[in-house]
Amino acid sequence: MKMITAIVNKEDSNAVSSALTKAGFSVTKLSTTGGFLMAGNVTMLIGVEDEKVDEVISLISEHSKQRKEIVPSTASYGIGVTTAFPLEVTVGGATVFVTNVERFEKL
């Protein structure tokens, strides 16, 4: 048995969750915030049998896409001058961790 922990952009989370549920997987969703952009994410916990890991990862990949966004950024010149300028960053997609589960019980 494996535990898949998928950190998905908030904009993609409903599509990912729906696809996983429709395919018969149970998903626990946690609202989280990323450290770099301080943007909303959803962390999904999915317990699956070993042979289903690739199917889950494929569904996550299919429904969470990377895209470019312009975010405000600031620069300080060390002389008391700070300026703001737009910065293009890549957001979306998913970060997925697969870990072994030694014991699983549904109570």
PDB file of N, CA and C in Angstrom:
ATOM      1  N   MET A   1       0.843  -1.176   0.000  1.00  0.00           N
ATOM      2  CA  MET A   1       0.000   0.000   0.000  1.00  0.00           C
ATOM      3  C   MET A   1       0.889   1.240   0.000  1.00  0.00           C
ATOM      4  N   LYS A   2       0.418   2.279  -0.682  1.00  0.00           N
ATOM      5  CA  LYS A   2       1.146   3.547  -0.786  1.00  0.00           C
ATOM      6  C   LYS A   2       0.260   4.711  -0.363  1.00  0.00           C
ATOM      7  N   MET A   3       0.889   5.750   0.133  1.00  0.00           N
ATOM      8  CA  MET A   3       0.217   7.019   0.402  1.00  0.00           C
ATOM      9  C   MET A   3       0.753   8.023  -0.600  1.00  0.00           C
ATOM     10  N   ILE A   4      -0.144   8.575  -1.405  1.00  0.00           N
ATOM     11  CA  ILE A   4       0.231   9.609  -2.363  1.00  0.00           C
ATOM     12  C   ILE A   4      -0.171  10.943  -1.761  1.00  0.00           C
ATOM     13  N   THR A   5       0.796  11.827  -1.636  1.00  0.00           N
ATOM     14  CA  THR A   5       0.552  13.187  -1.174  1.00  0.00           C
ATOM     15  C   THR A   5       0.782  14.094  -2.369  1.00  0.00           C
ATOM     16  N   ALA A   6      -0.287  14.738  -2.826  1.00  0.00           N
ATOM     17  CA  ALA A   6      -0.202  15.591  -4.011  1.00  0.00           C
ATOM     18  C   ALA A   6      -0.532  17.024  -3.620  1.00  0.00           C
ATOM     19  N   ILE A   7       0.381  17.936  -3.892  1.00  0.00           N
ATOM     20  CA  ILE A   7       0.161  19.355  -3.643  1.00  0.00           C
ATOM     21  C   ILE A   7      -0.212  19.973  -4.983  1.00  0.00           C
ATOM     22  N   VAL A   8      -1.461  20.444  -5.061  1.00  0.00           N
ATOM     23  CA  VAL A   8      -2.054  20.888  -6.319  1.00  0.00           C
ATOM     24  C   VAL A   8      -2.473  22.347  -6.190  1.00  0.00           C
ATOM     25  N   ASN A   9      -2.268  23.126  -7.241  1.00  0.00           N
ATOM     26  CA  ASN A   9      -2.716  24.511  -7.266  1.00  0.00           C
ATOM     27  C   ASN A   9      -4.220  24.572  -7.023  1.00  0.00           C
ATOM     28  N   LYS A  10      -4.658  25.559  -6.259  1.00  0.00           N
ATOM     29  CA  LYS A  10      -6.072  25.691  -5.900  1.00  0.00           C
ATOM     30  C   LYS A  10      -6.979  25.714  -7.134  1.00  0.00           C
ATOM     31  N   GLU A  11      -6.520  26.342  -8.206  1.00  0.00           N
ATOM     32  CA  GLU A  11      -7.323  26.439  -9.425  1.00  0.00           C
ATOM     33  C   GLU A  11      -7.553  25.074 -10.085  1.00  0.00           C
ATOM     34  N   ASP A  12      -6.642  24.149  -9.895  1.00  0.00           N
ATOM     35  CA  ASP A  12      -6.751  22.825 -10.504  1.00  0.00           C
ATOM     36  C   ASP A  12      -7.374  21.789  -9.569  1.00  0.00           C
ATOM     37  N   SER A  13      -7.528  22.127  -8.304  1.00  0.00           N
ATOM     38  CA  SER A  13      -7.882  21.126  -7.298  1.00  0.00           C
ATOM     39  C   SER A  13      -9.236  20.472  -7.526  1.00  0.00           C
ATOM     40  N   ASN A  14     -10.240  21.215  -7.952  1.00  0.00           N
ATOM     41  CA  ASN A  14     -11.556  20.613  -8.170  1.00  0.00           C
ATOM     42  C   ASN A  14     -11.528  19.604  -9.312  1.00  0.00           C
ATOM     43  N   ALA A  15     -10.832  19.947 -10.394  1.00  0.00           N
ATOM     44  CA  ALA A  15     -10.740  19.025 -11.531  1.00  0.00           C
ATOM     45  C   ALA A  15      -9.999  17.754 -11.133  1.00  0.00           C
ATOM     46  N   VAL A  16      -8.909  17.897 -10.388  1.00  0.00           N
ATOM     47  CA  VAL A  16      -8.125  16.735  -9.962  1.00  0.00           C
ATOM     48  C   VAL A  16      -8.960  15.866  -9.022  1.00  0.00           C
ATOM     49  N   SER A  17      -9.572  16.494  -8.038  1.00  0.00           N
ATOM     50  CA  SER A  17     -10.378  15.768  -7.058  1.00  0.00           C
ATOM     51  C   SER A  17     -11.542  15.033  -7.727  1.00  0.00           C
ATOM     52  N   SER A  18     -12.218  15.696  -8.641  1.00  0.00           N
ATOM     53  CA  SER A  18     -13.345  15.074  -9.349  1.00  0.00           C
ATOM     54  C   SER A  18     -12.895  13.877 -10.176  1.00  0.00           C
ATOM     55  N   ALA A  19     -11.782  14.020 -10.876  1.00  0.00           N
ATOM     56  CA  ALA A  19     -11.266  12.925 -11.704  1.00  0.00           C
ATOM     57  C   ALA A  19     -10.883  11.726 -10.842  1.00  0.00           C
ATOM     58  N   LEU A  20     -10.241  11.967  -9.722  1.00  0.00           N
ATOM     59  CA  LEU A  20      -9.841  10.876  -8.841  1.00  0.00           C
ATOM     60  C   LEU A  20     -11.061  10.177  -8.237  1.00  0.00           C
ATOM     61  N   THR A  21     -12.029  10.961  -7.791  1.00  0.00           N
ATOM     62  CA  THR A  21     -13.240  10.397  -7.203  1.00  0.00           C
ATOM     63  C   THR A  21     -14.026   9.596  -8.236  1.00  0.00           C
ATOM     64  N   LYS A  22     -14.131  10.149  -9.447  1.00  0.00           N
ATOM     65  CA  LYS A  22     -14.845   9.467 -10.525  1.00  0.00           C
ATOM     66  C   LYS A  22     -14.178   8.129 -10.866  1.00  0.00           C
ATOM     67  N   ALA A  23     -12.857   8.056 -10.708  1.00  0.00           N
ATOM     68  CA  ALA A  23     -12.122   6.822 -10.987  1.00  0.00           C
ATOM     69  C   ALA A  23     -12.150   5.850  -9.807  1.00  0.00           C
ATOM     70  N   GLY A  24     -12.828   6.242  -8.718  1.00  0.00           N
ATOM     71  CA  GLY A  24     -12.989   5.333  -7.589  1.00  0.00           C
ATOM     72  C   GLY A  24     -11.984   5.479  -6.468  1.00  0.00           C
ATOM     73  N   PHE A  25     -11.194   6.537  -6.477  1.00  0.00           N
ATOM     74  CA  PHE A  25     -10.203   6.749  -5.423  1.00  0.00           C
ATOM     75  C   PHE A  25     -10.769   7.667  -4.344  1.00  0.00           C
ATOM     76  N   SER A  26     -10.467   7.361  -3.090  1.00  0.00           N
ATOM     77  CA  SER A  26     -10.853   8.223  -1.979  1.00  0.00           C
ATOM     78  C   SER A  26      -9.773   9.282  -1.792  1.00  0.00           C
ATOM     79  N   VAL A  27     -10.208  10.530  -1.606  1.00  0.00           N
ATOM     80  CA  VAL A  27      -9.272  11.646  -1.502  1.00  0.00           C
ATOM     81  C   VAL A  27      -9.603  12.467  -0.267  1.00  0.00           C
ATOM     82  N   THR A  28      -8.587  12.759   0.530  1.00  0.00           N
ATOM     83  CA  THR A  28      -8.736  13.704   1.630  1.00  0.00           C
ATOM     84  C   THR A  28      -8.029  14.982   1.212  1.00  0.00           C
ATOM     85  N   LYS A  29      -8.744  16.128   1.286  1.00  0.00           N
ATOM     86  CA  LYS A  29      -8.187  17.401   0.836  1.00  0.00           C
ATOM     87  C   LYS A  29      -7.915  18.308   2.037  1.00  0.00           C
ATOM     88  N   LEU A  30      -6.752  18.943   2.010  1.00  0.00           N
ATOM     89  CA  LEU A  30      -6.358  19.912   3.026  1.00  0.00           C
ATOM     90  C   LEU A  30      -6.010  21.223   2.335  1.00  0.00           C
ATOM     91  N   SER A  31      -6.562  22.332   2.820  1.00  0.00           N
ATOM     92  CA  SER A  31      -6.191  23.632   2.263  1.00  0.00           C
ATOM     93  C   SER A  31      -4.827  24.020   2.806  1.00  0.00           C
ATOM     94  N   THR A  32      -3.915  24.394   1.895  1.00  0.00           N
ATOM     95  CA  THR A  32      -2.557  24.757   2.298  1.00  0.00           C
ATOM     96  C   THR A  32      -2.118  26.007   1.539  1.00  0.00           C
ATOM     97  N   THR A  33      -1.016  26.587   1.973  1.00  0.00           N
ATOM     98  CA  THR A  33      -0.469  27.770   1.327  1.00  0.00           C
ATOM     99  C   THR A  33       0.985  27.517   0.986  1.00  0.00           C
ATOM    100  N   GLY A  34       1.357  27.828  -0.257  1.00  0.00           N
ATOM    101  CA  GLY A  34       2.743  27.657  -0.684  1.00  0.00           C
ATOM    102  C   GLY A  34       3.644  28.713  -0.064  1.00  0.00           C
ATOM    103  N   GLY A  35       4.891  28.377   0.130  1.00  0.00           N
ATOM    104  CA  GLY A  35       5.825  29.285   0.770  1.00  0.00           C
ATOM    105  C   GLY A  35       6.404  30.334  -0.162  1.00  0.00           C
ATOM    106  N   PHE A  36       6.559  30.027  -1.445  1.00  0.00           N
ATOM    107  CA  PHE A  36       7.219  30.951  -2.365  1.00  0.00           C
ATOM    108  C   PHE A  36       6.306  32.092  -2.776  1.00  0.00           C
ATOM    109  N   LEU A  37       5.140  31.771  -3.322  1.00  0.00           N
ATOM    110  CA  LEU A  37       4.211  32.802  -3.784  1.00  0.00           C
ATOM    111  C   LEU A  37       3.123  33.097  -2.765  1.00  0.00           C
ATOM    112  N   MET A  38       3.108  32.344  -1.670  1.00  0.00           N
ATOM    113  CA  MET A  38       2.064  32.481  -0.650  1.00  0.00           C
ATOM    114  C   MET A  38       0.686  32.309  -1.282  1.00  0.00           C
ATOM    115  N   ALA A  39       0.594  31.447  -2.265  1.00  0.00           N
ATOM    116  CA  ALA A  39      -0.651  31.213  -2.994  1.00  0.00           C
ATOM    117  C   ALA A  39      -1.347  29.980  -2.447  1.00  0.00           C
ATOM    118  N   GLY A  40      -2.658  29.907  -2.682  1.00  0.00           N
ATOM    119  CA  GLY A  40      -3.448  28.798  -2.203  1.00  0.00           C
ATOM    120  C   GLY A  40      -3.162  27.512  -2.954  1.00  0.00           C
ATOM    121  N   ASN A  41      -3.042  26.446  -2.203  1.00  0.00           N
ATOM    122  CA  ASN A  41      -2.871  25.103  -2.737  1.00  0.00           C
ATOM    123  C   ASN A  41      -3.864  24.190  -2.054  1.00  0.00           C
ATOM    124  N   VAL A  42      -3.996  23.003  -2.568  1.00  0.00           N
ATOM    125  CA  VAL A  42      -4.733  21.946  -1.893  1.00  0.00           C
ATOM    126  C   VAL A  42      -3.792  20.753  -1.827  1.00  0.00           C
ATOM    127  N   THR A  43      -3.609  20.219  -0.625  1.00  0.00           N
ATOM    128  CA  THR A  43      -2.816  19.012  -0.453  1.00  0.00           C
ATOM    129  C   THR A  43      -3.785  17.845  -0.375  1.00  0.00           C
ATOM    130  N   MET A  44      -3.596  16.876  -1.256  1.00  0.00           N
ATOM    131  CA  MET A  44      -4.485  15.716  -1.323  1.00  0.00           C
ATOM    132  C   MET A  44      -3.755  14.484  -0.813  1.00  0.00           C
ATOM    133  N   LEU A  45      -4.438  13.728   0.013  1.00  0.00           N
ATOM    134  CA  LEU A  45      -3.911  12.473   0.539  1.00  0.00           C
ATOM    135  C   LEU A  45      -4.735  11.346  -0.066  1.00  0.00           C
ATOM    136  N   ILE A  46      -4.056  10.423  -0.751  1.00  0.00           N
ATOM    137  CA  ILE A  46      -4.733   9.341  -1.453  1.00  0.00           C
ATOM    138  C   ILE A  46      -4.019   8.039  -1.102  1.00  0.00           C
ATOM    139  N   GLY A  47      -4.715   7.131  -0.430  1.00  0.00           N
ATOM    140  CA  GLY A  47      -4.158   5.816  -0.121  1.00  0.00           C
ATOM    141  C   GLY A  47      -4.548   4.839  -1.213  1.00  0.00           C
ATOM    142  N   VAL A  48      -3.562   4.157  -1.807  1.00  0.00           N
ATOM    143  CA  VAL A  48      -3.846   3.232  -2.912  1.00  0.00           C
ATOM    144  C   VAL A  48      -2.974   1.986  -2.814  1.00  0.00           C
ATOM    145  N   GLU A  49      -3.443   0.945  -3.496  1.00  0.00           N
ATOM    146  CA  GLU A  49      -2.623  -0.256  -3.642  1.00  0.00           C
ATOM    147  C   GLU A  49      -1.457   0.069  -4.582  1.00  0.00           C
ATOM    148  N   ASP A  50      -0.369  -0.641  -4.435  1.00  0.00           N
ATOM    149  CA  ASP A  50       0.849  -0.372  -5.198  1.00  0.00           C
ATOM    150  C   ASP A  50       0.608  -0.292  -6.707  1.00  0.00           C
ATOM    151  N   GLU A  51      -0.221  -1.193  -7.226  1.00  0.00           N
ATOM    152  CA  GLU A  51      -0.428  -1.244  -8.676  1.00  0.00           C
ATOM    153  C   GLU A  51      -1.276  -0.089  -9.204  1.00  0.00           C
ATOM    154  N   LYS A  52      -1.858   0.725  -8.337  1.00  0.00           N
ATOM    155  CA  LYS A  52      -2.709   1.850  -8.757  1.00  0.00           C
ATOM    156  C   LYS A  52      -1.976   3.201  -8.730  1.00  0.00           C
ATOM    157  N   VAL A  53      -0.739   3.216  -8.281  1.00  0.00           N
ATOM    158  CA  VAL A  53       0.011   4.470  -8.137  1.00  0.00           C
ATOM    159  C   VAL A  53       0.138   5.203  -9.471  1.00  0.00           C
ATOM    160  N   ASP A  54       0.521   4.497 -10.517  1.00  0.00           N
ATOM    161  CA  ASP A  54       0.706   5.148 -11.818  1.00  0.00           C
ATOM    162  C   ASP A  54      -0.604   5.724 -12.355  1.00  0.00           C
ATOM    163  N   GLU A  55      -1.712   5.042 -12.115  1.00  0.00           N
ATOM    164  CA  GLU A  55      -3.017   5.541 -12.553  1.00  0.00           C
ATOM    165  C   GLU A  55      -3.372   6.856 -11.849  1.00  0.00           C
ATOM    166  N   VAL A  56      -3.126   6.910 -10.544  1.00  0.00           N
ATOM    167  CA  VAL A  56      -3.408   8.138  -9.785  1.00  0.00           C
ATOM    168  C   VAL A  56      -2.523   9.276 -10.277  1.00  0.00           C
ATOM    169  N   ILE A  57      -1.243   9.019 -10.437  1.00  0.00           N
ATOM    170  CA  ILE A  57      -0.325  10.063 -10.893  1.00  0.00           C
ATOM    171  C   ILE A  57      -0.715  10.547 -12.285  1.00  0.00           C
ATOM    172  N   SER A  58      -1.139   9.649 -13.130  1.00  0.00           N
ATOM    173  CA  SER A  58      -1.576  10.026 -14.472  1.00  0.00           C
ATOM    174  C   SER A  58      -2.803  10.941 -14.418  1.00  0.00           C
ATOM    175  N   LEU A  59      -3.770  10.634 -13.574  1.00  0.00           N
ATOM    176  CA  LEU A  59      -4.960  11.478 -13.427  1.00  0.00           C
ATOM    177  C   LEU A  59      -4.591  12.859 -12.885  1.00  0.00           C
ATOM    178  N   ILE A  60      -3.693  12.907 -11.918  1.00  0.00           N
ATOM    179  CA  ILE A  60      -3.257  14.190 -11.363  1.00  0.00           C
ATOM    180  C   ILE A  60      -2.574  15.017 -12.447  1.00  0.00           C
ATOM    181  N   SER A  61      -1.695  14.385 -13.195  1.00  0.00           N
ATOM    182  CA  SER A  61      -0.965  15.077 -14.260  1.00  0.00           C
ATOM    183  C   SER A  61      -1.903  15.607 -15.341  1.00  0.00           C
ATOM    184  N   GLU A  62      -2.884  14.808 -15.691  1.00  0.00           N
ATOM    185  CA  GLU A  62      -3.831  15.171 -16.747  1.00  0.00           C
ATOM    186  C   GLU A  62      -4.691  16.383 -16.376  1.00  0.00           C
ATOM    187  N   HIS A  63      -4.964  16.562 -15.091  1.00  0.00           N
ATOM    188  CA  HIS A  63      -5.886  17.613 -14.653  1.00  0.00           C
ATOM    189  C   HIS A  63      -5.224  18.762 -13.902  1.00  0.00           C
ATOM    190  N   SER A  64      -3.911  18.802 -13.855  1.00  0.00           N
ATOM    191  CA  SER A  64      -3.216  19.938 -13.222  1.00  0.00           C
ATOM    192  C   SER A  64      -2.120  20.416 -14.158  1.00  0.00           C
ATOM    193  N   LYS A  65      -2.331  21.569 -14.746  1.00  0.00           N
ATOM    194  CA  LYS A  65      -1.420  22.083 -15.765  1.00  0.00           C
ATOM    195  C   LYS A  65      -0.641  23.291 -15.260  1.00  0.00           C
ATOM    196  N   GLN A  66       0.590  23.394 -15.696  1.00  0.00           N
ATOM    197  CA  GLN A  66       1.395  24.568 -15.380  1.00  0.00           C
ATOM    198  C   GLN A  66       1.007  25.710 -16.304  1.00  0.00           C
ATOM    199  N   ARG A  67       1.096  26.926 -15.790  1.00  0.00           N
ATOM    200  CA  ARG A  67       0.806  28.118 -16.583  1.00  0.00           C
ATOM    201  C   ARG A  67       1.654  29.266 -16.051  1.00  0.00           C
ATOM    202  N   LYS A  68       1.785  30.296 -16.857  1.00  0.00           N
ATOM    203  CA  LYS A  68       2.562  31.480 -16.479  1.00  0.00           C
ATOM    204  C   LYS A  68       1.628  32.520 -15.863  1.00  0.00           C
ATOM    205  N   GLU A  69       2.105  33.185 -14.820  1.00  0.00           N
ATOM    206  CA  GLU A  69       1.377  34.284 -14.187  1.00  0.00           C
ATOM    207  C   GLU A  69       2.345  35.423 -13.932  1.00  0.00           C
ATOM    208  N   ILE A  70       1.812  36.620 -13.949  1.00  0.00           N
ATOM    209  CA  ILE A  70       2.599  37.797 -13.597  1.00  0.00           C
ATOM    210  C   ILE A  70       2.264  38.152 -12.150  1.00  0.00           C
ATOM    211  N   VAL A  71       3.294  38.213 -11.310  1.00  0.00           N
ATOM    212  CA  VAL A  71       3.094  38.558  -9.903  1.00  0.00           C
ATOM    213  C   VAL A  71       3.950  39.778  -9.572  1.00  0.00           C
ATOM    214  N   PRO A  72       3.498  40.588  -8.613  1.00  0.00           N
ATOM    215  CA  PRO A  72       4.312  41.738  -8.221  1.00  0.00           C
ATOM    216  C   PRO A  72       5.555  41.277  -7.470  1.00  0.00           C
ATOM    217  N   SER A  73       6.627  41.975  -7.667  1.00  0.00           N
ATOM    218  CA  SER A  73       7.869  41.678  -6.978  1.00  0.00           C
ATOM    219  C   SER A  73       8.500  43.005  -6.581  1.00  0.00           C
ATOM    220  N   THR A  74       9.348  42.974  -5.579  1.00  0.00           N
ATOM    221  CA  THR A  74      10.021  44.207  -5.172  1.00  0.00           C
ATOM    222  C   THR A  74      11.523  43.981  -5.149  1.00  0.00           C
ATOM    223  N   ALA A  75      12.229  45.049  -5.377  1.00  0.00           N
ATOM    224  CA  ALA A  75      13.693  45.017  -5.308  1.00  0.00           C
ATOM    225  C   ALA A  75      14.150  46.164  -4.426  1.00  0.00           C
ATOM    226  N   SER A  76      15.125  45.897  -3.592  1.00  0.00           N
ATOM    227  CA  SER A  76      15.683  46.927  -2.736  1.00  0.00           C
ATOM    228  C   SER A  76      17.116  47.179  -3.178  1.00  0.00           C
ATOM    229  N   TYR A  77      17.454  48.444  -3.288  1.00  0.00           N
ATOM    230  CA  TYR A  77      18.790  48.807  -3.765  1.00  0.00           C
ATOM    231  C   TYR A  77      19.756  49.111  -2.637  1.00  0.00           C
ATOM    232  N   GLY A  78      19.362  48.876  -1.380  1.00  0.00           N
ATOM    233  CA  GLY A  78      20.271  49.048  -0.251  1.00  0.00           C
ATOM    234  C   GLY A  78      20.508  50.496   0.145  1.00  0.00           C
ATOM    235  N   ILE A  79      19.879  51.422  -0.532  1.00  0.00           N
ATOM    236  CA  ILE A  79      20.061  52.843  -0.191  1.00  0.00           C
ATOM    237  C   ILE A  79      18.718  53.465   0.187  1.00  0.00           C
ATOM    238  N   GLY A  80      17.812  52.607   0.675  1.00  0.00           N
ATOM    239  CA  GLY A  80      16.497  53.096   1.063  1.00  0.00           C
ATOM    240  C   GLY A  80      15.516  53.207  -0.084  1.00  0.00           C
ATOM    241  N   VAL A  81      15.903  52.731  -1.265  1.00  0.00           N
ATOM    242  CA  VAL A  81      15.026  52.801  -2.436  1.00  0.00           C
ATOM    243  C   VAL A  81      14.513  51.398  -2.739  1.00  0.00           C
ATOM    244  N   THR A  82      13.191  51.284  -2.805  1.00  0.00           N
ATOM    245  CA  THR A  82      12.556  50.021  -3.149  1.00  0.00           C
ATOM    246  C   THR A  82      11.645  50.261  -4.339  1.00  0.00           C
ATOM    247  N   THR A  83      11.721  49.389  -5.327  1.00  0.00           N
ATOM    248  CA  THR A  83      10.856  49.522  -6.495  1.00  0.00           C
ATOM    249  C   THR A  83      10.059  48.236  -6.676  1.00  0.00           C
ATOM    250  N   ALA A  84       8.890  48.383  -7.269  1.00  0.00           N
ATOM    251  CA  ALA A  84       8.056  47.223  -7.576  1.00  0.00           C
ATOM    252  C   ALA A  84       8.079  46.992  -9.082  1.00  0.00           C
ATOM    253  N   PHE A  85       8.152  45.745  -9.466  1.00  0.00           N
ATOM    254  CA  PHE A  85       8.122  45.414 -10.891  1.00  0.00           C
ATOM    255  C   PHE A  85       7.468  44.043 -11.050  1.00  0.00           C
ATOM    256  N   PRO A  86       6.820  43.803 -12.184  1.00  0.00           N
ATOM    257  CA  PRO A  86       6.169  42.504 -12.391  1.00  0.00           C
ATOM    258  C   PRO A  86       7.195  41.412 -12.683  1.00  0.00           C
ATOM    259  N   LEU A  87       6.873  40.213 -12.253  1.00  0.00           N
ATOM    260  CA  LEU A  87       7.750  39.074 -12.442  1.00  0.00           C
ATOM    261  C   LEU A  87       6.912  37.917 -12.971  1.00  0.00           C
ATOM    262  N   GLU A  88       7.347  37.296 -14.071  1.00  0.00           N
ATOM    263  CA  GLU A  88       6.626  36.153 -14.621  1.00  0.00           C
ATOM    264  C   GLU A  88       7.111  34.880 -13.941  1.00  0.00           C
ATOM    265  N   VAL A  89       6.160  34.103 -13.403  1.00  0.00           N
ATOM    266  CA  VAL A  89       6.499  32.848 -12.737  1.00  0.00           C
ATOM    267  C   VAL A  89       5.608  31.732 -13.287  1.00  0.00           C
ATOM    268  N   THR A  90       6.076  30.508 -13.146  1.00  0.00           N
ATOM    269  CA  THR A  90       5.289  29.345 -13.529  1.00  0.00           C
ATOM    270  C   THR A  90       4.543  28.849 -12.303  1.00  0.00           C
ATOM    271  N   VAL A  91       3.214  28.705 -12.434  1.00  0.00           N
ATOM    272  CA  VAL A  91       2.387  28.195 -11.344  1.00  0.00           C
ATOM    273  C   VAL A  91       1.596  26.998 -11.854  1.00  0.00           C
ATOM    274  N   GLY A  92       0.949  26.329 -10.953  1.00  0.00           N
ATOM    275  CA  GLY A  92       0.130  25.187 -11.334  1.00  0.00           C
ATOM    276  C   GLY A  92       0.934  23.910 -11.339  1.00  0.00           C
ATOM    277  N   GLY A  93       0.390  22.918 -11.993  1.00  0.00           N
ATOM    278  CA  GLY A  93       1.024  21.611 -11.957  1.00  0.00           C
ATOM    279  C   GLY A  93       0.799  20.987 -10.593  1.00  0.00           C
ATOM    280  N   ALA A  94       1.573  20.024 -10.263  1.00  0.00           N
ATOM    281  CA  ALA A  94       1.436  19.353  -8.971  1.00  0.00           C
ATOM    282  C   ALA A  94       2.798  18.840  -8.525  1.00  0.00           C
ATOM    283  N   THR A  95       2.951  18.765  -7.218  1.00  0.00           N
ATOM    284  CA  THR A  95       4.112  18.113  -6.625  1.00  0.00           C
ATOM    285  C   THR A  95       3.582  16.871  -5.932  1.00  0.00           C
ATOM    286  N   VAL A  96       4.139  15.708  -6.277  1.00  0.00           N
ATOM    287  CA  VAL A  96       3.591  14.441  -5.794  1.00  0.00           C
ATOM    288  C   VAL A  96       4.673  13.652  -5.060  1.00  0.00           C
ATOM    289  N   PHE A  97       4.309  13.164  -3.874  1.00  0.00           N
ATOM    290  CA  PHE A  97       5.175  12.295  -3.076  1.00  0.00           C
ATOM    291  C   PHE A  97       4.472  10.951  -2.925  1.00  0.00           C
ATOM    292  N   VAL A  98       5.213   9.867  -3.087  1.00  0.00           N
ATOM    293  CA  VAL A  98       4.668   8.529  -2.882  1.00  0.00           C
ATOM    294  C   VAL A  98       5.483   7.881  -1.770  1.00  0.00           C
ATOM    295  N   THR A  99       4.779   7.462  -0.708  1.00  0.00           N
ATOM    296  CA  THR A  99       5.461   6.846   0.428  1.00  0.00           C
ATOM    297  C   THR A  99       4.832   5.491   0.740  1.00  0.00           C
ATOM    298  N   ASN A 100       5.638   4.610   1.298  1.00  0.00           N
ATOM    299  CA  ASN A 100       5.149   3.298   1.711  1.00  0.00           C
ATOM    300  C   ASN A 100       4.282   3.434   2.954  1.00  0.00           C
ATOM    301  N   VAL A 101       3.246   2.627   3.011  1.00  0.00           N
ATOM    302  CA  VAL A 101       2.371   2.582   4.179  1.00  0.00           C
ATOM    303  C   VAL A 101       2.567   1.219   4.830  1.00  0.00           C
ATOM    304  N   GLU A 102       3.023   1.241   6.060  1.00  0.00           N
ATOM    305  CA  GLU A 102       3.293  -0.009   6.760  1.00  0.00           C
ATOM    306  C   GLU A 102       1.992  -0.655   7.235  1.00  0.00           C
ATOM    307  N   ARG A 103       1.037   0.182   7.632  1.00  0.00           N
ATOM    308  CA  ARG A 103      -0.223  -0.356   8.146  1.00  0.00           C
ATOM    309  C   ARG A 103      -1.352   0.594   7.777  1.00  0.00           C
ATOM    310  N   PHE A 104      -2.491   0.028   7.399  1.00  0.00           N
ATOM    311  CA  PHE A 104      -3.671   0.823   7.049  1.00  0.00           C
ATOM    312  C   PHE A 104      -4.892   0.184   7.677  1.00  0.00           C
ATOM    313  N   GLU A 105      -5.696   0.998   8.350  1.00  0.00           N
ATOM    314  CA  GLU A 105      -6.948   0.535   8.927  1.00  0.00           C
ATOM    315  C   GLU A 105      -8.008   1.594   8.676  1.00  0.00           C
ATOM    316  N   LYS A 106      -9.163   1.159   8.259  1.00  0.00           N
ATOM    317  CA  LYS A 106     -10.278   2.082   8.077  1.00  0.00           C
ATOM    318  C   LYS A 106     -11.260   1.788   9.211  1.00  0.00           C
ATOM    319  N   LEU A 107     -11.396   2.715  10.139  1.00  0.00           N
ATOM    320  CA  LEU A 107     -12.221   2.498  11.337  1.00  0.00           C
ATOM    321  C   LEU A 107     -13.528   3.248  11.263  1.00  0.00           C
TER     322      LEU A 107
END
